[in-house]
Amino acid sequence: MKSDLHTDPPARVIRRGHLWLLTLPFVWQLGMAPFINDVTYKPFGLPFPMAWQMAGVILATVLFAIVFELDRRAGVQAEEEAFMAAIANSESAQAPAGHA
């Protein structure tokens, strides 16, 4: 007998190899910090580490948008909608009678 929470596997395999891109902002901010702290260059009059972090925020935003778009093209949104529908169906089947 199958569990109520069990769902059938997706009809196709969704490739999400692009998720490694999400590690780049961490490498940018934490991995490069020891090398950036001693730079004396001051772009726009700001200390270089501050400018580096501001550039990292922009980089992270662009990467998140790219990963979001790649997920959308891979069909992750359809998979998520099917998963949420399955959860809603299982919750409505488990709801006690008389409760809305």
PDB file of N, CA and C in Angstrom:
ATOM      1  N   MET A   1       0.842  -1.180   0.000  1.00  0.00           N
ATOM      2  CA  MET A   1       0.000   0.000   0.000  1.00  0.00           C
ATOM      3  C   MET A   1       0.890   1.246   0.000  1.00  0.00           C
ATOM      4  N   LYS A   2       0.586   2.164  -0.875  1.00  0.00           N
ATOM      5  CA  LYS A   2       1.397   3.376  -0.975  1.00  0.00           C
ATOM      6  C   LYS A   2       1.015   4.368   0.102  1.00  0.00           C
ATOM      7  N   SER A   3       1.990   5.151   0.529  1.00  0.00           N
ATOM      8  CA  SER A   3       1.747   6.218   1.489  1.00  0.00           C
ATOM      9  C   SER A   3       0.986   7.348   0.799  1.00  0.00           C
ATOM     10  N   ASP A   4       0.201   8.099   1.565  1.00  0.00           N
ATOM     11  CA  ASP A   4      -0.537   9.226   1.004  1.00  0.00           C
ATOM     12  C   ASP A   4       0.380  10.319   0.483  1.00  0.00           C
ATOM     13  N   LEU A   5       1.576  10.436   1.072  1.00  0.00           N
ATOM     14  CA  LEU A   5       2.498  11.492   0.672  1.00  0.00           C
ATOM     15  C   LEU A   5       3.365  11.083  -0.505  1.00  0.00           C
ATOM     16  N   HIS A   6       3.288   9.822  -0.936  1.00  0.00           N
ATOM     17  CA  HIS A   6       4.109   9.356  -2.041  1.00  0.00           C
ATOM     18  C   HIS A   6       3.545   9.895  -3.351  1.00  0.00           C
ATOM     19  N   THR A   7       4.421  10.406  -4.158  1.00  0.00           N
ATOM     20  CA  THR A   7       4.008  10.867  -5.481  1.00  0.00           C
ATOM     21  C   THR A   7       4.794  10.099  -6.512  1.00  0.00           C
ATOM     22  N   ASP A   8       4.226   9.955  -7.670  1.00  0.00           N
ATOM     23  CA  ASP A   8       4.919   9.267  -8.744  1.00  0.00           C
ATOM     24  C   ASP A   8       6.084  10.119  -9.216  1.00  0.00           C
ATOM     25  N   PRO A   9       7.151   9.463  -9.691  1.00  0.00           N
ATOM     26  CA  PRO A   9       8.300  10.240 -10.171  1.00  0.00           C
ATOM     27  C   PRO A   9       7.907  11.081 -11.379  1.00  0.00           C
ATOM     28  N   PRO A  10       8.597  12.188 -11.598  1.00  0.00           N
ATOM     29  CA  PRO A  10       8.259  13.035 -12.742  1.00  0.00           C
ATOM     30  C   PRO A  10       8.442  12.274 -14.052  1.00  0.00           C
ATOM     31  N   ALA A  11       7.711  12.699 -15.060  1.00  0.00           N
ATOM     32  CA  ALA A  11       7.765  12.021 -16.350  1.00  0.00           C
ATOM     33  C   ALA A  11       9.133  12.175 -17.005  1.00  0.00           C
ATOM     34  N   ARG A  12       9.822  13.237 -16.707  1.00  0.00           N
ATOM     35  CA  ARG A  12      11.163  13.437 -17.271  1.00  0.00           C
ATOM     36  C   ARG A  12      12.088  13.918 -16.166  1.00  0.00           C
ATOM     37  N   VAL A  13      13.363  13.683 -16.379  1.00  0.00           N
ATOM     38  CA  VAL A  13      14.360  14.097 -15.398  1.00  0.00           C
ATOM     39  C   VAL A  13      14.701  15.561 -15.643  1.00  0.00           C
ATOM     40  N   ILE A  14      14.649  16.349 -14.595  1.00  0.00           N
ATOM     41  CA  ILE A  14      14.984  17.769 -14.709  1.00  0.00           C
ATOM     42  C   ILE A  14      16.449  17.939 -14.345  1.00  0.00           C
ATOM     43  N   ARG A  15      17.200  18.469 -15.254  1.00  0.00           N
ATOM     44  CA  ARG A  15      18.637  18.689 -15.036  1.00  0.00           C
ATOM     45  C   ARG A  15      18.819  20.028 -14.328  1.00  0.00           C
ATOM     46  N   ARG A  16      19.509  20.002 -13.203  1.00  0.00           N
ATOM     47  CA  ARG A  16      19.731  21.240 -12.450  1.00  0.00           C
ATOM     48  C   ARG A  16      21.215  21.440 -12.166  1.00  0.00           C
ATOM     49  N   GLY A  17      22.050  21.066 -13.117  1.00  0.00           N
ATOM     50  CA  GLY A  17      23.493  21.212 -12.963  1.00  0.00           C
ATOM     51  C   GLY A  17      23.948  22.659 -12.846  1.00  0.00           C
ATOM     52  N   HIS A  18      23.086  23.579 -13.175  1.00  0.00           N
ATOM     53  CA  HIS A  18      23.424  25.001 -13.119  1.00  0.00           C
ATOM     54  C   HIS A  18      23.413  25.551 -11.689  1.00  0.00           C
ATOM     55  N   LEU A  19      22.949  24.761 -10.733  1.00  0.00           N
ATOM     56  CA  LEU A  19      22.871  25.256  -9.352  1.00  0.00           C
ATOM     57  C   LEU A  19      24.247  25.533  -8.744  1.00  0.00           C
ATOM     58  N   TRP A  20      25.301  24.993  -9.335  1.00  0.00           N
ATOM     59  CA  TRP A  20      26.642  25.293  -8.834  1.00  0.00           C
ATOM     60  C   TRP A  20      26.942  26.788  -8.948  1.00  0.00           C
ATOM     61  N   LEU A  21      26.243  27.479  -9.833  1.00  0.00           N
ATOM     62  CA  LEU A  21      26.450  28.931  -9.970  1.00  0.00           C
ATOM     63  C   LEU A  21      26.164  29.671  -8.666  1.00  0.00           C
ATOM     64  N   LEU A  22      25.308  29.085  -7.814  1.00  0.00           N
ATOM     65  CA  LEU A  22      24.956  29.745  -6.558  1.00  0.00           C
ATOM     66  C   LEU A  22      26.115  29.755  -5.558  1.00  0.00           C
ATOM     67  N   THR A  23      27.164  29.007  -5.817  1.00  0.00           N
ATOM     68  CA  THR A  23      28.339  29.040  -4.929  1.00  0.00           C
ATOM     69  C   THR A  23      29.242  30.237  -5.236  1.00  0.00           C
ATOM     70  N   LEU A  24      29.124  30.800  -6.415  1.00  0.00           N
ATOM     71  CA  LEU A  24      30.017  31.896  -6.809  1.00  0.00           C
ATOM     72  C   LEU A  24      29.933  33.127  -5.903  1.00  0.00           C
ATOM     73  N   PRO A  25      28.742  33.572  -5.471  1.00  0.00           N
ATOM     74  CA  PRO A  25      28.720  34.724  -4.562  1.00  0.00           C
ATOM     75  C   PRO A  25      29.461  34.452  -3.242  1.00  0.00           C
ATOM     76  N   PHE A  26      29.378  33.219  -2.742  1.00  0.00           N
ATOM     77  CA  PHE A  26      30.093  32.888  -1.508  1.00  0.00           C
ATOM     78  C   PHE A  26      31.594  32.912  -1.721  1.00  0.00           C
ATOM     79  N   VAL A  27      32.028  32.362  -2.837  1.00  0.00           N
ATOM     80  CA  VAL A  27      33.461  32.391  -3.153  1.00  0.00           C
ATOM     81  C   VAL A  27      33.909  33.834  -3.334  1.00  0.00           C
ATOM     82  N   TRP A  28      33.078  34.630  -4.000  1.00  0.00           N
ATOM     83  CA  TRP A  28      33.391  36.049  -4.221  1.00  0.00           C
ATOM     84  C   TRP A  28      33.595  36.776  -2.894  1.00  0.00           C
ATOM     85  N   GLN A  29      32.653  36.607  -1.966  1.00  0.00           N
ATOM     86  CA  GLN A  29      32.689  37.365  -0.715  1.00  0.00           C
ATOM     87  C   GLN A  29      33.660  36.778   0.303  1.00  0.00           C
ATOM     88  N   LEU A  30      33.627  35.478   0.504  1.00  0.00           N
ATOM     89  CA  LEU A  30      34.430  34.873   1.572  1.00  0.00           C
ATOM     90  C   LEU A  30      35.775  34.345   1.100  1.00  0.00           C
ATOM     91  N   GLY A  31      35.781  33.696  -0.043  1.00  0.00           N
ATOM     92  CA  GLY A  31      37.016  33.096  -0.526  1.00  0.00           C
ATOM     93  C   GLY A  31      38.059  34.110  -0.944  1.00  0.00           C
ATOM     94  N   MET A  32      37.615  35.231  -1.452  1.00  0.00           N
ATOM     95  CA  MET A  32      38.556  36.239  -1.948  1.00  0.00           C
ATOM     96  C   MET A  32      38.886  37.314  -0.914  1.00  0.00           C
ATOM     97  N   ALA A  33      38.209  37.325   0.212  1.00  0.00           N
ATOM     98  CA  ALA A  33      38.417  38.377   1.219  1.00  0.00           C
ATOM     99  C   ALA A  33      39.875  38.523   1.666  1.00  0.00           C
ATOM    100  N   PRO A  34      40.605  37.445   1.924  1.00  0.00           N
ATOM    101  CA  PRO A  34      41.994  37.632   2.354  1.00  0.00           C
ATOM    102  C   PRO A  34      42.861  38.342   1.312  1.00  0.00           C
ATOM    103  N   PHE A  35      42.534  38.170   0.054  1.00  0.00           N
ATOM    104  CA  PHE A  35      43.333  38.800  -1.008  1.00  0.00           C
ATOM    105  C   PHE A  35      42.900  40.241  -1.256  1.00  0.00           C
ATOM    106  N   ILE A  36      41.683  40.585  -0.924  1.00  0.00           N
ATOM    107  CA  ILE A  36      41.114  41.903  -1.214  1.00  0.00           C
ATOM    108  C   ILE A  36      41.417  42.914  -0.116  1.00  0.00           C
ATOM    109  N   ASN A  37      41.543  42.450   1.103  1.00  0.00           N
ATOM    110  CA  ASN A  37      41.681  43.367   2.242  1.00  0.00           C
ATOM    111  C   ASN A  37      42.897  44.282   2.158  1.00  0.00           C
ATOM    112  N   ASP A  38      43.960  43.864   1.501  1.00  0.00           N
ATOM    113  CA  ASP A  38      45.184  44.656   1.455  1.00  0.00           C
ATOM    114  C   ASP A  38      45.311  45.533   0.213  1.00  0.00           C
ATOM    115  N   VAL A  39      44.309  45.555  -0.639  1.00  0.00           N
ATOM    116  CA  VAL A  39      44.362  46.372  -1.851  1.00  0.00           C
ATOM    117  C   VAL A  39      44.132  47.831  -1.470  1.00  0.00           C
ATOM    118  N   THR A  40      45.007  48.717  -1.942  1.00  0.00           N
ATOM    119  CA  THR A  40      44.908  50.133  -1.571  1.00  0.00           C
ATOM    120  C   THR A  40      44.148  50.970  -2.605  1.00  0.00           C
ATOM    121  N   TYR A  41      43.835  50.413  -3.748  1.00  0.00           N
ATOM    122  CA  TYR A  41      43.100  51.126  -4.789  1.00  0.00           C
ATOM    123  C   TYR A  41      41.744  51.560  -4.244  1.00  0.00           C
ATOM    124  N   LYS A  42      41.325  52.801  -4.558  1.00  0.00           N
ATOM    125  CA  LYS A  42      40.058  53.354  -4.064  1.00  0.00           C
ATOM    126  C   LYS A  42      39.178  53.799  -5.228  1.00  0.00           C
ATOM    127  N   PRO A  43      38.381  52.869  -5.771  1.00  0.00           N
ATOM    128  CA  PRO A  43      37.480  53.274  -6.858  1.00  0.00           C
ATOM    129  C   PRO A  43      36.346  54.145  -6.311  1.00  0.00           C
ATOM    130  N   PHE A  44      36.081  55.234  -6.988  1.00  0.00           N
ATOM    131  CA  PHE A  44      35.038  56.187  -6.587  1.00  0.00           C
ATOM    132  C   PHE A  44      35.257  56.718  -5.168  1.00  0.00           C
ATOM    133  N   GLY A  45      36.480  56.677  -4.677  1.00  0.00           N
ATOM    134  CA  GLY A  45      36.787  57.165  -3.342  1.00  0.00           C
ATOM    135  C   GLY A  45      36.419  56.205  -2.216  1.00  0.00           C
ATOM    136  N   LEU A  46      35.973  55.011  -2.558  1.00  0.00           N
ATOM    137  CA  LEU A  46      35.600  54.010  -1.549  1.00  0.00           C
ATOM    138  C   LEU A  46      36.773  53.068  -1.288  1.00  0.00           C
ATOM    139  N   PRO A  47      36.896  52.575  -0.070  1.00  0.00           N
ATOM    140  CA  PRO A  47      37.906  51.536   0.160  1.00  0.00           C
ATOM    141  C   PRO A  47      37.598  50.334  -0.742  1.00  0.00           C
ATOM    142  N   PHE A  48      38.645  49.714  -1.254  1.00  0.00           N
ATOM    143  CA  PHE A  48      38.452  48.634  -2.219  1.00  0.00           C
ATOM    144  C   PHE A  48      37.602  47.485  -1.680  1.00  0.00           C
ATOM    145  N   PRO A  49      37.792  47.039  -0.421  1.00  0.00           N
ATOM    146  CA  PRO A  49      36.930  45.947   0.070  1.00  0.00           C
ATOM    147  C   PRO A  49      35.441  46.297   0.041  1.00  0.00           C
ATOM    148  N   MET A  50      35.116  47.564   0.290  1.00  0.00           N
ATOM    149  CA  MET A  50      33.710  47.972   0.241  1.00  0.00           C
ATOM    150  C   MET A  50      33.190  47.926  -1.194  1.00  0.00           C
ATOM    151  N   ALA A  51      33.975  48.428  -2.137  1.00  0.00           N
ATOM    152  CA  ALA A  51      33.585  48.378  -3.547  1.00  0.00           C
ATOM    153  C   ALA A  51      33.471  46.927  -4.016  1.00  0.00           C
ATOM    154  N   TRP A  52      34.363  46.065  -3.533  1.00  0.00           N
ATOM    155  CA  TRP A  52      34.345  44.639  -3.876  1.00  0.00           C
ATOM    156  C   TRP A  52      33.025  43.996  -3.402  1.00  0.00           C
ATOM    157  N   GLN A  53      32.617  44.322  -2.178  1.00  0.00           N
ATOM    158  CA  GLN A  53      31.377  43.751  -1.665  1.00  0.00           C
ATOM    159  C   GLN A  53      30.163  44.287  -2.418  1.00  0.00           C
ATOM    160  N   MET A  54      30.182  45.548  -2.769  1.00  0.00           N
ATOM    161  CA  MET A  54      29.069  46.118  -3.537  1.00  0.00           C
ATOM    162  C   MET A  54      28.979  45.444  -4.910  1.00  0.00           C
ATOM    163  N   ALA A  55      30.110  45.194  -5.518  1.00  0.00           N
ATOM    164  CA  ALA A  55      30.129  44.478  -6.798  1.00  0.00           C
ATOM    165  C   ALA A  55      29.632  43.044  -6.598  1.00  0.00           C
ATOM    166  N   GLY A  56      29.940  42.456  -5.446  1.00  0.00           N
ATOM    167  CA  GLY A  56      29.469  41.106  -5.146  1.00  0.00           C
ATOM    168  C   GLY A  56      27.960  41.034  -5.017  1.00  0.00           C
ATOM    169  N   VAL A  57      27.349  42.062  -4.484  1.00  0.00           N
ATOM    170  CA  VAL A  57      25.883  42.104  -4.390  1.00  0.00           C
ATOM    171  C   VAL A  57      25.270  42.133  -5.789  1.00  0.00           C
ATOM    172  N   ILE A  58      25.858  42.915  -6.669  1.00  0.00           N
ATOM    173  CA  ILE A  58      25.369  42.979  -8.050  1.00  0.00           C
ATOM    174  C   ILE A  58      25.581  41.639  -8.743  1.00  0.00           C
ATOM    175  N   LEU A  59      26.751  41.029  -8.552  1.00  0.00           N
ATOM    176  CA  LEU A  59      27.033  39.717  -9.129  1.00  0.00           C
ATOM    177  C   LEU A  59      26.024  38.681  -8.636  1.00  0.00           C
ATOM    178  N   ALA A  60      25.761  38.665  -7.337  1.00  0.00           N
ATOM    179  CA  ALA A  60      24.817  37.696  -6.774  1.00  0.00           C
ATOM    180  C   ALA A  60      23.422  37.891  -7.358  1.00  0.00           C
ATOM    181  N   THR A  61      22.993  39.131  -7.512  1.00  0.00           N
ATOM    182  CA  THR A  61      21.675  39.414  -8.066  1.00  0.00           C
ATOM    183  C   THR A  61      21.567  38.901  -9.496  1.00  0.00           C
ATOM    184  N   VAL A  62      22.597  39.139 -10.274  1.00  0.00           N
ATOM    185  CA  VAL A  62      22.594  38.669 -11.667  1.00  0.00           C
ATOM    186  C   VAL A  62      22.598  37.143 -11.709  1.00  0.00           C
ATOM    187  N   LEU A  63      23.398  36.508 -10.859  1.00  0.00           N
ATOM    188  CA  LEU A  63      23.445  35.051 -10.841  1.00  0.00           C
ATOM    189  C   LEU A  63      22.121  34.438 -10.395  1.00  0.00           C
ATOM    190  N   PHE A  64      21.464  35.043  -9.415  1.00  0.00           N
ATOM    191  CA  PHE A  64      20.159  34.532  -8.975  1.00  0.00           C
ATOM    192  C   PHE A  64      19.149  34.615 -10.116  1.00  0.00           C
ATOM    193  N   ALA A  65      19.190  35.705 -10.876  1.00  0.00           N
ATOM    194  CA  ALA A  65      18.277  35.851 -12.011  1.00  0.00           C
ATOM    195  C   ALA A  65      18.578  34.799 -13.078  1.00  0.00           C
ATOM    196  N   ILE A  66      19.848  34.538 -13.325  1.00  0.00           N
ATOM    197  CA  ILE A  66      20.230  33.527 -14.317  1.00  0.00           C
ATOM    198  C   ILE A  66      19.760  32.147 -13.870  1.00  0.00           C
ATOM    199  N   VAL A  67      19.992  31.794 -12.605  1.00  0.00           N
ATOM    200  CA  VAL A  67      19.568  30.487 -12.098  1.00  0.00           C
ATOM    201  C   VAL A  67      18.043  30.369 -12.130  1.00  0.00           C
ATOM    202  N   PHE A  68      17.345  31.421 -11.782  1.00  0.00           N
ATOM    203  CA  PHE A  68      15.883  31.411 -11.840  1.00  0.00           C
ATOM    204  C   PHE A  68      15.407  31.136 -13.265  1.00  0.00           C
ATOM    205  N   GLU A  69      16.004  31.795 -14.228  1.00  0.00           N
ATOM    206  CA  GLU A  69      15.622  31.600 -15.633  1.00  0.00           C
ATOM    207  C   GLU A  69      15.969  30.187 -16.100  1.00  0.00           C
ATOM    208  N   LEU A  70      17.137  29.677 -15.732  1.00  0.00           N
ATOM    209  CA  LEU A  70      17.515  28.314 -16.119  1.00  0.00           C
ATOM    210  C   LEU A  70      16.584  27.287 -15.476  1.00  0.00           C
ATOM    211  N   ASP A  71      16.171  27.534 -14.243  1.00  0.00           N
ATOM    212  CA  ASP A  71      15.198  26.650 -13.593  1.00  0.00           C
ATOM    213  C   ASP A  71      13.866  26.679 -14.344  1.00  0.00           C
ATOM    214  N   ARG A  72      13.441  27.871 -14.732  1.00  0.00           N
ATOM    215  CA  ARG A  72      12.172  28.006 -15.459  1.00  0.00           C
ATOM    216  C   ARG A  72      12.227  27.251 -16.779  1.00  0.00           C
ATOM    217  N   ARG A  73      13.337  27.381 -17.490  1.00  0.00           N
ATOM    218  CA  ARG A  73      13.486  26.681 -18.773  1.00  0.00           C
ATOM    219  C   ARG A  73      13.562  25.168 -18.590  1.00  0.00           C
ATOM    220  N   ALA A  74      14.105  24.726 -17.451  1.00  0.00           N
ATOM    221  CA  ALA A  74      14.227  23.287 -17.184  1.00  0.00           C
ATOM    222  C   ALA A  74      12.900  22.676 -16.769  1.00  0.00           C
ATOM    223  N   GLY A  75      11.890  23.486 -16.468  1.00  0.00           N
ATOM    224  CA  GLY A  75      10.585  22.975 -16.098  1.00  0.00           C
ATOM    225  C   GLY A  75      10.393  22.785 -14.615  1.00  0.00           C
ATOM    226  N   VAL A  76      11.198  23.444 -13.809  1.00  0.00           N
ATOM    227  CA  VAL A  76      11.085  23.297 -12.362  1.00  0.00           C
ATOM    228  C   VAL A  76       9.760  23.861 -11.867  1.00  0.00           C
ATOM    229  N   GLN A  77       9.251  24.904 -12.498  1.00  0.00           N
ATOM    230  CA  GLN A  77       7.991  25.506 -12.058  1.00  0.00           C
ATOM    231  C   GLN A  77       6.840  24.509 -12.218  1.00  0.00           C
ATOM    232  N   ALA A  78       6.805  23.787 -13.325  1.00  0.00           N
ATOM    233  CA  ALA A  78       5.746  22.794 -13.530  1.00  0.00           C
ATOM    234  C   ALA A  78       5.869  21.664 -12.512  1.00  0.00           C
ATOM    235  N   GLU A  79       7.089  21.256 -12.213  1.00  0.00           N
ATOM    236  CA  GLU A  79       7.305  20.214 -11.207  1.00  0.00           C
ATOM    237  C   GLU A  79       6.822  20.685  -9.834  1.00  0.00           C
ATOM    238  N   GLU A  80       7.134  21.938  -9.501  1.00  0.00           N
ATOM    239  CA  GLU A  80       6.713  22.486  -8.214  1.00  0.00           C
ATOM    240  C   GLU A  80       5.193  22.587  -8.125  1.00  0.00           C
ATOM    241  N   GLU A  81       4.551  23.012  -9.198  1.00  0.00           N
ATOM    242  CA  GLU A  81       3.082  23.102  -9.205  1.00  0.00           C
ATOM    243  C   GLU A  81       2.451  21.721  -9.016  1.00  0.00           C
ATOM    244  N   ALA A  82       3.014  20.691  -9.657  1.00  0.00           N
ATOM    245  CA  ALA A  82       2.496  19.331  -9.493  1.00  0.00           C
ATOM    246  C   ALA A  82       2.686  18.853  -8.059  1.00  0.00           C
ATOM    247  N   PHE A  83       3.828  19.184  -7.470  1.00  0.00           N
ATOM    248  CA  PHE A  83       4.104  18.805  -6.084  1.00  0.00           C
ATOM    249  C   PHE A  83       3.131  19.482  -5.133  1.00  0.00           C
ATOM    250  N   MET A  84       2.894  20.782  -5.320  1.00  0.00           N
ATOM    251  CA  MET A  84       1.969  21.510  -4.452  1.00  0.00           C
ATOM    252  C   MET A  84       0.536  20.977  -4.607  1.00  0.00           C
ATOM    253  N   ALA A  85       0.135  20.605  -5.809  1.00  0.00           N
ATOM    254  CA  ALA A  85      -1.191  20.036  -6.025  1.00  0.00           C
ATOM    255  C   ALA A  85      -1.314  18.688  -5.318  1.00  0.00           C
ATOM    256  N   ALA A  86      -0.248  17.887  -5.370  1.00  0.00           N
ATOM    257  CA  ALA A  86      -0.274  16.589  -4.692  1.00  0.00           C
ATOM    258  C   ALA A  86      -0.383  16.774  -3.189  1.00  0.00           C
ATOM    259  N   ILE A  87       0.302  17.759  -2.637  1.00  0.00           N
ATOM    260  CA  ILE A  87       0.225  18.027  -1.200  1.00  0.00           C
ATOM    261  C   ILE A  87      -1.182  18.491  -0.832  1.00  0.00           C
ATOM    262  N   ALA A  88      -1.745  19.374  -1.623  1.00  0.00           N
ATOM    263  CA  ALA A  88      -3.099  19.869  -1.344  1.00  0.00           C
ATOM    264  C   ALA A  88      -4.107  18.719  -1.387  1.00  0.00           C
ATOM    265  N   ASN A  89      -3.943  17.812  -2.349  1.00  0.00           N
ATOM    266  CA  ASN A  89      -4.851  16.664  -2.446  1.00  0.00           C
ATOM    267  C   ASN A  89      -4.706  15.746  -1.241  1.00  0.00           C
ATOM    268  N   SER A  90      -3.478  15.521  -0.797  1.00  0.00           N
ATOM    269  CA  SER A  90      -3.272  14.632   0.343  1.00  0.00           C
ATOM    270  C   SER A  90      -3.774  15.279   1.630  1.00  0.00           C
ATOM    271  N   GLU A  91      -3.632  16.587   1.753  1.00  0.00           N
ATOM    272  CA  GLU A  91      -4.128  17.287   2.943  1.00  0.00           C
ATOM    273  C   GLU A  91      -5.650  17.305   2.985  1.00  0.00           C
ATOM    274  N   SER A  92      -6.279  17.485   1.825  1.00  0.00           N
ATOM    275  CA  SER A  92      -7.745  17.492   1.806  1.00  0.00           C
ATOM    276  C   SER A  92      -8.292  16.090   2.067  1.00  0.00           C
ATOM    277  N   ALA A  93      -7.573  15.052   1.668  1.00  0.00           N
ATOM    278  CA  ALA A  93      -8.010  13.675   1.925  1.00  0.00           C
ATOM    279  C   ALA A  93      -7.861  13.318   3.397  1.00  0.00           C
ATOM    280  N   GLN A  94      -6.897  13.959   4.085  1.00  0.00           N
ATOM    281  CA  GLN A  94      -6.638  13.664   5.493  1.00  0.00           C
ATOM    282  C   GLN A  94      -7.432  14.560   6.434  1.00  0.00           C
ATOM    283  N   ALA A  95      -8.087  15.595   5.922  1.00  0.00           N
ATOM    284  CA  ALA A  95      -8.824  16.530   6.776  1.00  0.00           C
ATOM    285  C   ALA A  95     -10.010  15.822   7.401  1.00  0.00           C
ATOM    286  N   PRO A  96     -10.234  16.041   8.703  1.00  0.00           N
ATOM    287  CA  PRO A  96     -11.395  15.411   9.352  1.00  0.00           C
ATOM    288  C   PRO A  96     -12.700  15.964   8.797  1.00  0.00           C
ATOM    289  N   ALA A  97     -13.722  15.135   8.793  1.00  0.00           N
ATOM    290  CA  ALA A  97     -15.036  15.552   8.273  1.00  0.00           C
ATOM    291  C   ALA A  97     -15.613  16.664   9.123  1.00  0.00           C
ATOM    292  N   GLY A  98     -16.275  17.618   8.492  1.00  0.00           N
ATOM    293  CA  GLY A  98     -16.908  18.712   9.223  1.00  0.00           C
ATOM    294  C   GLY A  98     -16.038  19.936   9.363  1.00  0.00           C
ATOM    295  N   HIS A  99     -14.777  19.878   8.964  1.00  0.00           N
ATOM    296  CA  HIS A  99     -13.892  21.056   9.027  1.00  0.00           C
ATOM    297  C   HIS A  99     -13.713  21.589   7.621  1.00  0.00           C
ATOM    298  N   ALA A 100     -13.723  22.877   7.482  1.00  0.00           N
ATOM    299  CA  ALA A 100     -13.568  23.502   6.186  1.00  0.00           C
ATOM    300  C   ALA A 100     -12.126  23.757   5.883  1.00  0.00           C
TER     301      ALA A 100
END
